[in-house]
N, C-alpha and C. Protein backbone atom coordinates (compact mmCIF):
# COMPACT_ATOMS: atom_id res chain seq x y z
N UNK A 1 -58.39 24.37 14.98
CA UNK A 1 -57.50 25.48 15.02
C UNK A 1 -56.06 24.99 14.97
N UNK A 2 -55.30 25.56 14.14
CA UNK A 2 -53.91 25.17 13.94
C UNK A 2 -53.00 26.00 14.82
N UNK A 3 -52.08 25.31 15.55
CA UNK A 3 -51.15 26.04 16.40
C UNK A 3 -49.77 26.06 15.76
N UNK A 4 -49.11 27.14 15.84
CA UNK A 4 -47.76 27.28 15.30
C UNK A 4 -46.75 26.72 16.30
N UNK A 5 -45.79 26.01 15.80
CA UNK A 5 -44.72 25.49 16.65
C UNK A 5 -43.68 26.59 16.77
N UNK A 6 -43.26 26.85 18.01
CA UNK A 6 -42.27 27.91 18.20
C UNK A 6 -40.98 27.62 17.43
N UNK A 7 -40.41 28.67 16.92
CA UNK A 7 -39.21 28.58 16.09
C UNK A 7 -38.06 27.88 16.81
N UNK A 8 -37.85 28.13 18.09
CA UNK A 8 -36.74 27.51 18.82
C UNK A 8 -36.91 26.00 18.94
N UNK A 9 -38.14 25.50 18.98
CA UNK A 9 -38.37 24.06 19.02
C UNK A 9 -38.07 23.43 17.66
N UNK A 10 -38.42 24.12 16.58
CA UNK A 10 -38.12 23.63 15.23
C UNK A 10 -36.61 23.54 15.05
N UNK A 11 -35.90 24.56 15.48
CA UNK A 11 -34.43 24.56 15.36
C UNK A 11 -33.85 23.41 16.18
N UNK A 12 -34.37 23.19 17.38
CA UNK A 12 -33.90 22.10 18.23
C UNK A 12 -34.12 20.74 17.59
N UNK A 13 -35.28 20.56 16.98
CA UNK A 13 -35.58 19.29 16.30
C UNK A 13 -34.65 19.09 15.12
N UNK A 14 -34.41 20.12 14.32
CA UNK A 14 -33.52 20.04 13.16
C UNK A 14 -32.10 19.71 13.61
N UNK A 15 -31.64 20.35 14.67
CA UNK A 15 -30.29 20.09 15.18
C UNK A 15 -30.19 18.65 15.68
N UNK A 16 -31.20 18.17 16.38
CA UNK A 16 -31.19 16.79 16.88
C UNK A 16 -31.14 15.80 15.72
N UNK A 17 -31.93 16.03 14.68
CA UNK A 17 -31.91 15.15 13.51
C UNK A 17 -30.56 15.19 12.81
N UNK A 18 -29.96 16.38 12.72
CA UNK A 18 -28.64 16.50 12.10
C UNK A 18 -27.59 15.72 12.90
N UNK A 19 -27.68 15.79 14.23
CA UNK A 19 -26.74 15.03 15.08
C UNK A 19 -26.90 13.54 14.87
N UNK A 20 -28.13 13.07 14.75
CA UNK A 20 -28.36 11.65 14.49
C UNK A 20 -27.78 11.23 13.15
N UNK A 21 -27.97 12.07 12.14
CA UNK A 21 -27.44 11.75 10.81
C UNK A 21 -25.92 11.68 10.84
N UNK A 22 -25.27 12.65 11.49
CA UNK A 22 -23.81 12.64 11.57
C UNK A 22 -23.30 11.45 12.37
N UNK A 23 -24.03 11.07 13.41
CA UNK A 23 -23.64 9.90 14.19
C UNK A 23 -23.70 8.64 13.34
N UNK A 24 -24.75 8.51 12.55
CA UNK A 24 -24.88 7.34 11.68
C UNK A 24 -23.75 7.30 10.65
N UNK A 25 -23.41 8.46 10.10
CA UNK A 25 -22.31 8.52 9.13
C UNK A 25 -21.01 8.14 9.83
N UNK A 26 -20.79 8.66 11.04
CA UNK A 26 -19.58 8.35 11.80
C UNK A 26 -19.45 6.88 12.09
N UNK A 27 -20.55 6.23 12.43
CA UNK A 27 -20.50 4.79 12.68
C UNK A 27 -20.15 4.04 11.41
N UNK A 28 -20.68 4.47 10.27
CA UNK A 28 -20.39 3.81 9.00
C UNK A 28 -18.93 4.00 8.62
N UNK A 29 -18.38 5.21 8.83
CA UNK A 29 -16.98 5.49 8.49
C UNK A 29 -16.04 4.66 9.36
N UNK A 30 -16.41 4.45 10.63
CA UNK A 30 -15.54 3.74 11.54
C UNK A 30 -15.63 2.22 11.43
N UNK A 31 -16.59 1.71 10.68
CA UNK A 31 -16.66 0.26 10.47
C UNK A 31 -15.47 -0.17 9.64
N UNK A 32 -14.87 -1.30 9.97
CA UNK A 32 -13.77 -1.75 9.12
C UNK A 32 -14.32 -2.12 7.74
N UNK A 33 -13.67 -1.57 6.69
CA UNK A 33 -14.17 -1.86 5.35
C UNK A 33 -13.95 -3.31 4.98
N UNK A 34 -14.80 -3.81 4.11
CA UNK A 34 -14.63 -5.18 3.63
C UNK A 34 -13.61 -5.22 2.52
N UNK A 35 -12.81 -6.26 2.50
CA UNK A 35 -11.87 -6.42 1.40
C UNK A 35 -11.64 -7.90 1.14
N UNK A 36 -11.11 -8.16 -0.04
CA UNK A 36 -10.72 -9.52 -0.39
C UNK A 36 -9.26 -9.50 -0.80
N UNK A 37 -8.60 -10.63 -0.63
CA UNK A 37 -7.21 -10.74 -1.03
C UNK A 37 -7.11 -11.28 -2.45
N UNK A 38 -6.15 -10.72 -3.18
CA UNK A 38 -5.77 -11.22 -4.49
C UNK A 38 -4.34 -11.69 -4.33
N UNK A 39 -4.12 -12.99 -4.38
CA UNK A 39 -2.79 -13.54 -4.14
C UNK A 39 -2.02 -13.72 -5.43
N UNK A 40 -0.71 -13.51 -5.34
CA UNK A 40 0.15 -13.68 -6.50
C UNK A 40 1.58 -13.94 -6.08
N UNK A 41 2.44 -14.10 -7.07
CA UNK A 41 3.86 -14.29 -6.84
C UNK A 41 4.65 -13.32 -7.70
N UNK A 42 5.88 -13.10 -7.29
CA UNK A 42 6.73 -12.15 -8.01
C UNK A 42 6.87 -12.54 -9.48
N UNK A 43 6.91 -11.54 -10.34
CA UNK A 43 7.08 -11.67 -11.79
C UNK A 43 5.83 -12.15 -12.52
N UNK A 44 4.72 -12.29 -11.81
CA UNK A 44 3.45 -12.62 -12.46
C UNK A 44 2.45 -11.50 -12.21
N UNK A 45 1.68 -11.16 -13.21
CA UNK A 45 0.71 -10.08 -13.12
C UNK A 45 -0.57 -10.56 -12.44
N UNK A 46 -1.09 -9.73 -11.53
CA UNK A 46 -2.38 -10.01 -10.91
C UNK A 46 -3.30 -8.82 -11.17
N UNK A 47 -4.60 -9.10 -11.27
CA UNK A 47 -5.60 -8.05 -11.46
C UNK A 47 -6.06 -7.57 -10.09
N UNK A 48 -5.97 -6.26 -9.85
CA UNK A 48 -6.40 -5.68 -8.59
C UNK A 48 -7.00 -4.30 -8.87
N UNK A 49 -8.19 -4.07 -8.34
CA UNK A 49 -8.88 -2.78 -8.48
C UNK A 49 -8.99 -2.31 -9.93
N UNK A 50 -9.18 -3.23 -10.86
CA UNK A 50 -9.34 -2.87 -12.26
C UNK A 50 -8.03 -2.56 -12.97
N UNK A 51 -6.91 -2.87 -12.32
CA UNK A 51 -5.59 -2.62 -12.90
C UNK A 51 -4.78 -3.91 -12.88
N UNK A 52 -3.57 -3.83 -13.43
CA UNK A 52 -2.67 -4.97 -13.46
C UNK A 52 -1.43 -4.64 -12.65
N UNK A 53 -1.15 -5.44 -11.64
CA UNK A 53 0.00 -5.22 -10.76
C UNK A 53 1.03 -6.32 -11.00
N UNK A 54 2.29 -5.89 -11.19
CA UNK A 54 3.39 -6.83 -11.34
C UNK A 54 4.52 -6.41 -10.41
N UNK A 55 4.99 -7.35 -9.61
CA UNK A 55 6.12 -7.10 -8.73
C UNK A 55 7.34 -7.72 -9.38
N UNK A 56 8.38 -6.91 -9.57
CA UNK A 56 9.58 -7.38 -10.26
C UNK A 56 10.74 -7.59 -9.31
N UNK A 57 11.83 -6.88 -9.55
CA UNK A 57 13.06 -7.07 -8.79
C UNK A 57 12.87 -6.82 -7.30
N UNK A 58 13.54 -7.64 -6.51
CA UNK A 58 13.65 -7.45 -5.07
C UNK A 58 15.13 -7.32 -4.77
N UNK A 59 15.50 -6.25 -4.08
CA UNK A 59 16.90 -6.03 -3.73
C UNK A 59 17.00 -5.82 -2.22
N UNK A 60 18.15 -6.20 -1.66
CA UNK A 60 18.37 -6.06 -0.22
C UNK A 60 19.70 -5.35 0.02
N UNK A 61 19.77 -4.63 1.14
CA UNK A 61 20.99 -3.93 1.50
C UNK A 61 20.88 -3.38 2.91
N UNK A 62 21.92 -2.64 3.32
CA UNK A 62 21.91 -2.04 4.65
C UNK A 62 21.99 -0.52 4.61
N UNK A 63 22.21 0.04 3.42
CA UNK A 63 22.25 1.51 3.29
C UNK A 63 21.42 1.95 2.09
N UNK A 64 20.72 3.08 2.26
CA UNK A 64 20.02 3.71 1.15
C UNK A 64 20.84 4.92 0.75
N UNK A 65 21.17 5.00 -0.53
CA UNK A 65 21.97 6.12 -1.02
C UNK A 65 21.23 6.85 -2.13
N UNK A 66 21.59 8.09 -2.28
CA UNK A 66 21.04 8.90 -3.37
C UNK A 66 22.15 9.82 -3.85
N UNK A 67 22.48 9.69 -5.12
CA UNK A 67 23.56 10.47 -5.73
C UNK A 67 24.86 10.35 -4.95
N UNK A 68 25.14 9.11 -4.51
CA UNK A 68 26.39 8.85 -3.81
C UNK A 68 26.39 9.18 -2.32
N UNK A 69 25.35 9.80 -1.83
CA UNK A 69 25.26 10.17 -0.41
C UNK A 69 24.38 9.18 0.34
N UNK A 70 24.83 8.73 1.52
CA UNK A 70 24.05 7.81 2.34
C UNK A 70 22.90 8.60 2.98
N UNK A 71 21.67 8.18 2.70
CA UNK A 71 20.48 8.83 3.28
C UNK A 71 19.96 8.11 4.51
N UNK A 72 20.19 6.80 4.57
CA UNK A 72 19.73 6.01 5.72
C UNK A 72 20.59 4.76 5.82
N UNK A 73 20.80 4.33 7.05
CA UNK A 73 21.57 3.12 7.31
C UNK A 73 20.85 2.34 8.40
N UNK A 74 20.93 1.02 8.34
CA UNK A 74 20.25 0.19 9.34
C UNK A 74 21.16 -0.93 9.81
N UNK A 75 20.95 -1.35 11.04
CA UNK A 75 21.62 -2.56 11.53
C UNK A 75 20.82 -3.78 11.11
N UNK A 76 19.61 -3.54 10.62
CA UNK A 76 18.76 -4.61 10.09
C UNK A 76 19.01 -4.77 8.61
N UNK A 77 17.95 -4.65 7.83
CA UNK A 77 18.05 -4.86 6.39
C UNK A 77 16.99 -4.03 5.69
N UNK A 78 17.35 -3.39 4.59
CA UNK A 78 16.38 -2.73 3.73
C UNK A 78 16.01 -3.69 2.61
N UNK A 79 14.73 -3.70 2.26
CA UNK A 79 14.24 -4.48 1.13
C UNK A 79 13.55 -3.49 0.18
N UNK A 80 14.01 -3.47 -1.06
CA UNK A 80 13.40 -2.62 -2.08
C UNK A 80 12.68 -3.53 -3.08
N UNK A 81 11.42 -3.21 -3.32
CA UNK A 81 10.57 -4.00 -4.21
C UNK A 81 10.15 -3.11 -5.38
N UNK A 82 10.43 -3.56 -6.59
CA UNK A 82 10.00 -2.83 -7.78
C UNK A 82 8.58 -3.30 -8.12
N UNK A 83 7.65 -2.36 -8.17
CA UNK A 83 6.26 -2.69 -8.48
C UNK A 83 5.78 -1.85 -9.65
N UNK A 84 4.99 -2.48 -10.52
CA UNK A 84 4.44 -1.79 -11.69
C UNK A 84 2.93 -1.92 -11.68
N UNK A 85 2.26 -0.79 -11.85
CA UNK A 85 0.80 -0.74 -11.90
C UNK A 85 0.40 -0.24 -13.28
N UNK A 86 -0.32 -1.06 -14.04
CA UNK A 86 -0.79 -0.69 -15.38
C UNK A 86 -2.31 -0.60 -15.34
N UNK A 87 -2.86 0.47 -15.94
CA UNK A 87 -4.31 0.68 -15.92
C UNK A 87 -4.85 0.69 -17.34
N UNK A 88 -5.32 -0.47 -17.83
CA UNK A 88 -5.89 -0.51 -19.17
C UNK A 88 -7.32 0.03 -19.21
N UNK A 89 -7.95 0.18 -18.07
CA UNK A 89 -9.34 0.65 -18.00
C UNK A 89 -9.46 2.15 -18.16
N UNK A 90 -10.57 2.69 -17.68
CA UNK A 90 -10.85 4.11 -17.90
C UNK A 90 -10.76 4.96 -16.63
N UNK A 91 -10.38 4.36 -15.50
CA UNK A 91 -10.31 5.12 -14.26
C UNK A 91 -8.92 5.06 -13.65
N UNK A 92 -8.51 6.13 -13.02
CA UNK A 92 -7.23 6.19 -12.31
C UNK A 92 -7.26 5.20 -11.14
N UNK A 93 -6.13 4.52 -10.90
CA UNK A 93 -6.02 3.58 -9.78
C UNK A 93 -4.88 4.03 -8.88
N UNK A 94 -5.15 4.01 -7.58
CA UNK A 94 -4.20 4.46 -6.59
C UNK A 94 -4.05 3.36 -5.53
N UNK A 95 -2.87 2.80 -5.42
CA UNK A 95 -2.56 1.85 -4.35
C UNK A 95 -1.60 2.57 -3.41
N UNK A 96 -2.15 3.19 -2.39
CA UNK A 96 -1.38 4.11 -1.55
C UNK A 96 -0.95 3.55 -0.20
N UNK A 97 -1.22 2.29 0.05
CA UNK A 97 -0.81 1.66 1.31
C UNK A 97 -0.07 0.37 0.98
N UNK A 98 1.05 0.14 1.65
CA UNK A 98 1.78 -1.10 1.43
C UNK A 98 2.55 -1.48 2.68
N UNK A 99 2.77 -2.77 2.81
CA UNK A 99 3.55 -3.30 3.91
C UNK A 99 4.11 -4.65 3.50
N UNK A 100 5.17 -5.06 4.17
CA UNK A 100 5.69 -6.41 4.01
C UNK A 100 5.26 -7.19 5.23
N UNK A 101 4.83 -8.43 5.00
CA UNK A 101 4.37 -9.25 6.11
C UNK A 101 5.06 -10.61 6.08
N UNK A 102 5.23 -11.18 7.27
CA UNK A 102 5.64 -12.57 7.42
C UNK A 102 4.56 -13.19 8.31
N UNK A 103 4.78 -14.41 8.73
CA UNK A 103 3.80 -15.03 9.61
C UNK A 103 3.69 -14.28 10.94
N UNK A 104 4.81 -13.72 11.42
CA UNK A 104 4.84 -13.09 12.74
C UNK A 104 5.01 -11.58 12.74
N UNK A 105 5.44 -10.99 11.64
CA UNK A 105 5.78 -9.57 11.64
C UNK A 105 5.12 -8.82 10.50
N UNK A 106 4.95 -7.51 10.73
CA UNK A 106 4.48 -6.59 9.70
C UNK A 106 5.45 -5.43 9.65
N UNK A 107 5.93 -5.11 8.46
CA UNK A 107 6.88 -4.01 8.25
C UNK A 107 6.21 -2.94 7.41
N UNK A 108 6.17 -1.72 7.94
CA UNK A 108 5.55 -0.61 7.22
C UNK A 108 6.47 -0.08 6.13
N UNK A 109 5.90 0.61 5.17
CA UNK A 109 6.63 1.19 4.05
C UNK A 109 7.57 2.28 4.59
N UNK A 110 8.87 2.10 4.41
CA UNK A 110 9.88 3.04 4.88
C UNK A 110 9.88 4.31 4.05
N UNK A 111 9.59 4.16 2.76
CA UNK A 111 9.69 5.29 1.84
C UNK A 111 8.40 6.08 1.68
N UNK A 112 7.30 5.56 2.17
CA UNK A 112 5.98 6.21 2.05
C UNK A 112 5.59 6.48 0.61
N UNK A 113 6.08 5.69 -0.32
CA UNK A 113 5.70 5.86 -1.72
C UNK A 113 4.50 4.98 -2.03
N UNK A 114 3.80 5.35 -3.08
CA UNK A 114 2.63 4.59 -3.50
C UNK A 114 2.64 4.43 -5.01
N UNK A 115 1.73 3.62 -5.49
CA UNK A 115 1.57 3.42 -6.93
C UNK A 115 0.30 4.14 -7.37
N UNK A 116 0.43 5.01 -8.36
CA UNK A 116 -0.72 5.74 -8.90
C UNK A 116 -0.56 5.76 -10.42
N UNK A 117 -1.58 5.31 -11.13
CA UNK A 117 -1.51 5.34 -12.58
C UNK A 117 -2.85 5.78 -13.15
N UNK A 118 -2.79 6.67 -14.11
CA UNK A 118 -4.00 7.12 -14.81
C UNK A 118 -4.39 6.09 -15.86
N UNK A 119 -5.61 6.18 -16.31
CA UNK A 119 -6.10 5.29 -17.36
C UNK A 119 -5.19 5.36 -18.58
N UNK A 120 -4.80 4.20 -19.09
CA UNK A 120 -3.95 4.15 -20.27
C UNK A 120 -2.47 4.30 -19.99
N UNK A 121 -2.08 4.28 -18.70
CA UNK A 121 -0.67 4.45 -18.34
C UNK A 121 -0.23 3.36 -17.38
N UNK A 122 1.11 3.29 -17.22
CA UNK A 122 1.70 2.36 -16.27
C UNK A 122 2.74 3.14 -15.46
N UNK A 123 2.77 2.88 -14.15
CA UNK A 123 3.77 3.48 -13.28
C UNK A 123 4.61 2.37 -12.67
N UNK A 124 5.91 2.55 -12.69
CA UNK A 124 6.82 1.64 -12.00
C UNK A 124 7.46 2.42 -10.87
N UNK A 125 7.45 1.84 -9.68
CA UNK A 125 7.91 2.54 -8.48
C UNK A 125 8.66 1.57 -7.58
N UNK A 126 9.72 2.05 -6.94
CA UNK A 126 10.42 1.27 -5.93
C UNK A 126 9.77 1.53 -4.57
N UNK A 127 9.43 0.45 -3.87
CA UNK A 127 8.88 0.54 -2.53
C UNK A 127 9.95 0.01 -1.58
N UNK A 128 10.25 0.75 -0.52
CA UNK A 128 11.34 0.38 0.37
C UNK A 128 10.83 0.11 1.77
N UNK A 129 11.36 -0.94 2.39
CA UNK A 129 10.96 -1.36 3.72
C UNK A 129 12.20 -1.67 4.54
N UNK A 130 12.16 -1.36 5.83
CA UNK A 130 13.22 -1.76 6.75
C UNK A 130 12.70 -2.97 7.52
N UNK A 131 13.48 -4.05 7.50
CA UNK A 131 13.02 -5.31 8.09
C UNK A 131 14.07 -5.87 9.05
N UNK A 132 13.62 -6.80 9.87
CA UNK A 132 14.51 -7.56 10.75
C UNK A 132 14.99 -8.76 9.95
N UNK A 133 16.30 -8.88 9.70
CA UNK A 133 16.79 -9.99 8.89
C UNK A 133 16.44 -11.37 9.45
N UNK A 134 16.22 -11.46 10.75
CA UNK A 134 15.87 -12.74 11.35
C UNK A 134 14.42 -13.13 11.09
N UNK A 135 13.62 -12.18 10.58
CA UNK A 135 12.19 -12.42 10.36
C UNK A 135 11.81 -12.11 8.91
N UNK A 136 12.37 -12.86 7.96
CA UNK A 136 12.05 -12.59 6.55
C UNK A 136 11.49 -13.80 5.81
N UNK A 137 11.31 -14.93 6.49
CA UNK A 137 10.75 -16.12 5.82
C UNK A 137 9.37 -15.80 5.26
N UNK A 138 9.16 -16.19 4.01
CA UNK A 138 7.88 -15.97 3.33
C UNK A 138 7.47 -14.51 3.29
N UNK A 139 8.43 -13.64 3.10
CA UNK A 139 8.17 -12.20 3.01
C UNK A 139 7.21 -11.94 1.86
N UNK A 140 6.11 -11.23 2.16
CA UNK A 140 5.04 -11.00 1.20
C UNK A 140 4.68 -9.52 1.18
N UNK A 141 4.58 -8.95 -0.02
CA UNK A 141 4.12 -7.57 -0.17
C UNK A 141 2.60 -7.56 -0.14
N UNK A 142 2.05 -6.69 0.69
CA UNK A 142 0.61 -6.47 0.71
C UNK A 142 0.39 -5.01 0.33
N UNK A 143 -0.43 -4.78 -0.69
CA UNK A 143 -0.62 -3.41 -1.21
C UNK A 143 -2.09 -3.20 -1.54
N UNK A 144 -2.59 -1.98 -1.24
CA UNK A 144 -4.01 -1.70 -1.43
C UNK A 144 -4.26 -0.20 -1.42
N UNK A 145 -5.51 0.16 -1.75
CA UNK A 145 -5.95 1.54 -1.62
C UNK A 145 -6.53 1.72 -0.23
N UNK A 146 -6.01 2.67 0.51
CA UNK A 146 -6.51 2.96 1.85
C UNK A 146 -7.08 4.35 1.90
N UNK A 147 -8.40 4.48 1.88
CA UNK A 147 -9.05 5.77 1.97
C UNK A 147 -9.86 5.86 3.24
N UNK A 148 -10.31 7.05 3.58
CA UNK A 148 -11.11 7.25 4.79
C UNK A 148 -12.46 6.57 4.65
N UNK A 149 -13.12 6.82 3.53
CA UNK A 149 -14.42 6.18 3.29
C UNK A 149 -14.27 5.37 2.01
N UNK A 150 -14.44 4.09 2.13
CA UNK A 150 -14.30 3.23 0.97
C UNK A 150 -15.11 1.97 1.25
N UNK A 151 -15.76 1.47 0.26
CA UNK A 151 -16.55 0.25 0.44
C UNK A 151 -15.67 -0.97 0.29
N UNK A 152 -16.14 -1.95 -0.39
CA UNK A 152 -15.43 -3.20 -0.59
C UNK A 152 -14.27 -2.96 -1.55
N UNK A 153 -13.10 -3.48 -1.23
CA UNK A 153 -11.95 -3.29 -2.11
C UNK A 153 -11.05 -4.51 -2.04
N UNK A 154 -9.97 -4.47 -2.84
CA UNK A 154 -9.07 -5.60 -2.93
C UNK A 154 -7.69 -5.23 -2.37
N UNK A 155 -7.05 -6.23 -1.76
CA UNK A 155 -5.66 -6.11 -1.33
C UNK A 155 -4.87 -7.17 -2.06
N UNK A 156 -3.81 -6.74 -2.71
CA UNK A 156 -2.94 -7.70 -3.39
C UNK A 156 -1.89 -8.18 -2.39
N UNK A 157 -1.66 -9.51 -2.38
CA UNK A 157 -0.59 -10.11 -1.58
C UNK A 157 0.33 -10.86 -2.53
N UNK A 158 1.56 -10.37 -2.64
CA UNK A 158 2.51 -10.93 -3.59
C UNK A 158 3.69 -11.52 -2.83
N UNK A 159 3.87 -12.83 -2.94
CA UNK A 159 5.00 -13.50 -2.28
C UNK A 159 6.27 -13.14 -3.03
N UNK A 160 7.31 -12.72 -2.29
CA UNK A 160 8.53 -12.21 -2.91
C UNK A 160 9.57 -13.28 -3.24
N UNK A 161 9.31 -14.51 -2.87
CA UNK A 161 10.26 -15.58 -3.19
C UNK A 161 11.31 -15.81 -2.12
N UNK A 162 11.20 -15.14 -0.99
CA UNK A 162 12.12 -15.35 0.13
C UNK A 162 11.48 -16.40 1.04
N UNK A 163 12.15 -17.52 1.19
CA UNK A 163 11.60 -18.63 1.97
C UNK A 163 12.59 -19.02 3.07
N UNK A 164 12.18 -19.94 3.93
CA UNK A 164 13.07 -20.44 4.98
C UNK A 164 14.31 -21.08 4.35
N UNK A 165 14.16 -21.69 3.19
CA UNK A 165 15.27 -22.36 2.52
C UNK A 165 16.31 -21.44 1.92
N UNK A 166 15.92 -20.21 1.55
CA UNK A 166 16.89 -19.31 0.92
C UNK A 166 17.09 -18.01 1.71
N UNK A 167 16.50 -17.88 2.88
CA UNK A 167 16.59 -16.64 3.66
C UNK A 167 18.03 -16.29 4.02
N UNK A 168 18.86 -17.28 4.31
CA UNK A 168 20.26 -16.99 4.65
C UNK A 168 20.99 -16.34 3.49
N UNK A 169 20.70 -16.77 2.26
CA UNK A 169 21.32 -16.15 1.08
C UNK A 169 20.93 -14.68 0.98
N UNK A 170 19.67 -14.36 1.25
CA UNK A 170 19.20 -12.97 1.21
C UNK A 170 19.88 -12.14 2.31
N UNK A 171 20.02 -12.72 3.50
CA UNK A 171 20.68 -12.00 4.60
C UNK A 171 22.14 -11.70 4.25
N UNK A 172 22.84 -12.69 3.71
CA UNK A 172 24.25 -12.48 3.34
C UNK A 172 24.36 -11.44 2.22
N UNK A 173 23.44 -11.47 1.27
CA UNK A 173 23.49 -10.52 0.16
C UNK A 173 23.30 -9.08 0.61
N UNK A 174 22.61 -8.88 1.72
CA UNK A 174 22.31 -7.52 2.19
C UNK A 174 23.49 -6.86 2.89
N UNK A 175 24.38 -7.63 3.48
CA UNK A 175 25.44 -7.09 4.33
C UNK A 175 26.33 -6.11 3.56
N UNK A 176 26.37 -4.86 4.05
CA UNK A 176 27.24 -3.84 3.47
C UNK A 176 26.86 -3.36 2.09
N UNK A 177 25.68 -3.72 1.61
CA UNK A 177 25.27 -3.37 0.24
C UNK A 177 24.46 -2.07 0.23
N UNK A 178 24.78 -1.22 -0.75
CA UNK A 178 24.04 0.04 -0.95
C UNK A 178 22.89 -0.19 -1.91
N UNK A 179 21.75 0.42 -1.59
CA UNK A 179 20.60 0.42 -2.48
C UNK A 179 20.31 1.85 -2.88
N UNK A 180 19.93 2.05 -4.12
CA UNK A 180 19.55 3.38 -4.59
C UNK A 180 18.18 3.32 -5.25
N UNK A 181 17.13 3.23 -4.42
CA UNK A 181 15.78 3.17 -4.99
C UNK A 181 15.42 4.49 -5.67
N UNK A 182 14.67 4.38 -6.76
CA UNK A 182 14.22 5.56 -7.49
C UNK A 182 13.06 6.20 -6.73
N UNK A 183 13.24 7.42 -6.20
CA UNK A 183 12.18 8.03 -5.40
C UNK A 183 11.00 8.54 -6.24
N UNK A 184 11.19 8.66 -7.55
CA UNK A 184 10.15 9.25 -8.39
C UNK A 184 9.41 8.23 -9.24
N UNK A 185 10.05 7.13 -9.55
CA UNK A 185 9.42 6.14 -10.41
C UNK A 185 9.36 6.61 -11.85
N UNK A 186 8.77 5.77 -12.69
CA UNK A 186 8.61 6.13 -14.10
C UNK A 186 7.16 5.91 -14.50
N UNK A 187 6.71 6.73 -15.42
CA UNK A 187 5.37 6.64 -15.97
C UNK A 187 5.47 6.59 -17.47
N UNK A 188 4.72 5.65 -18.08
CA UNK A 188 4.72 5.57 -19.53
C UNK A 188 3.34 5.15 -20.02
N UNK A 189 3.04 5.53 -21.24
CA UNK A 189 1.75 5.17 -21.84
C UNK A 189 1.75 3.68 -22.17
N UNK A 190 0.60 3.07 -22.03
CA UNK A 190 0.47 1.67 -22.42
C UNK A 190 0.47 1.57 -23.94
N UNK A 191 1.01 0.47 -24.50
CA UNK A 191 1.03 0.33 -25.96
C UNK A 191 -0.37 0.15 -26.51
């Protein structure tokens, strides 16, 4: 003889299984994602996430201006890095997280800008950071895609050419200098 399971017990079992499934998903989302570093130097192209990244001009100053108006001023130093992302492949690439790092310090992106390029296009964007002038030796741009759920990915680390030997020149160059980073960047089709 077959007995029917009461409906409230079936609902309880389904809810319990759903809770277990969501817990497993939550644990997977909270695991630190795996990544590898792609190292490079300024003015040389590196392959990252199926795209080509090139870091160009680096400029330093103490004021950010836009259309002649001072938007921000620091007692430290602003560093603006021109970065270009070209996507010869068939998928859009988004590098939405960036920071400058030294051996001892990490500087977050002051401008909150990112690099995004569709397939067949290139975007050039100025990334701006506020840094401590006393801590700029071996300043390196680290840039990557940071999503909530993402598997294995790549982080590009591009050395900007600021070393212990030339850091004083960079500090002197920044004093009283205005920077006008392009907040919109440029997008163009690849040839």
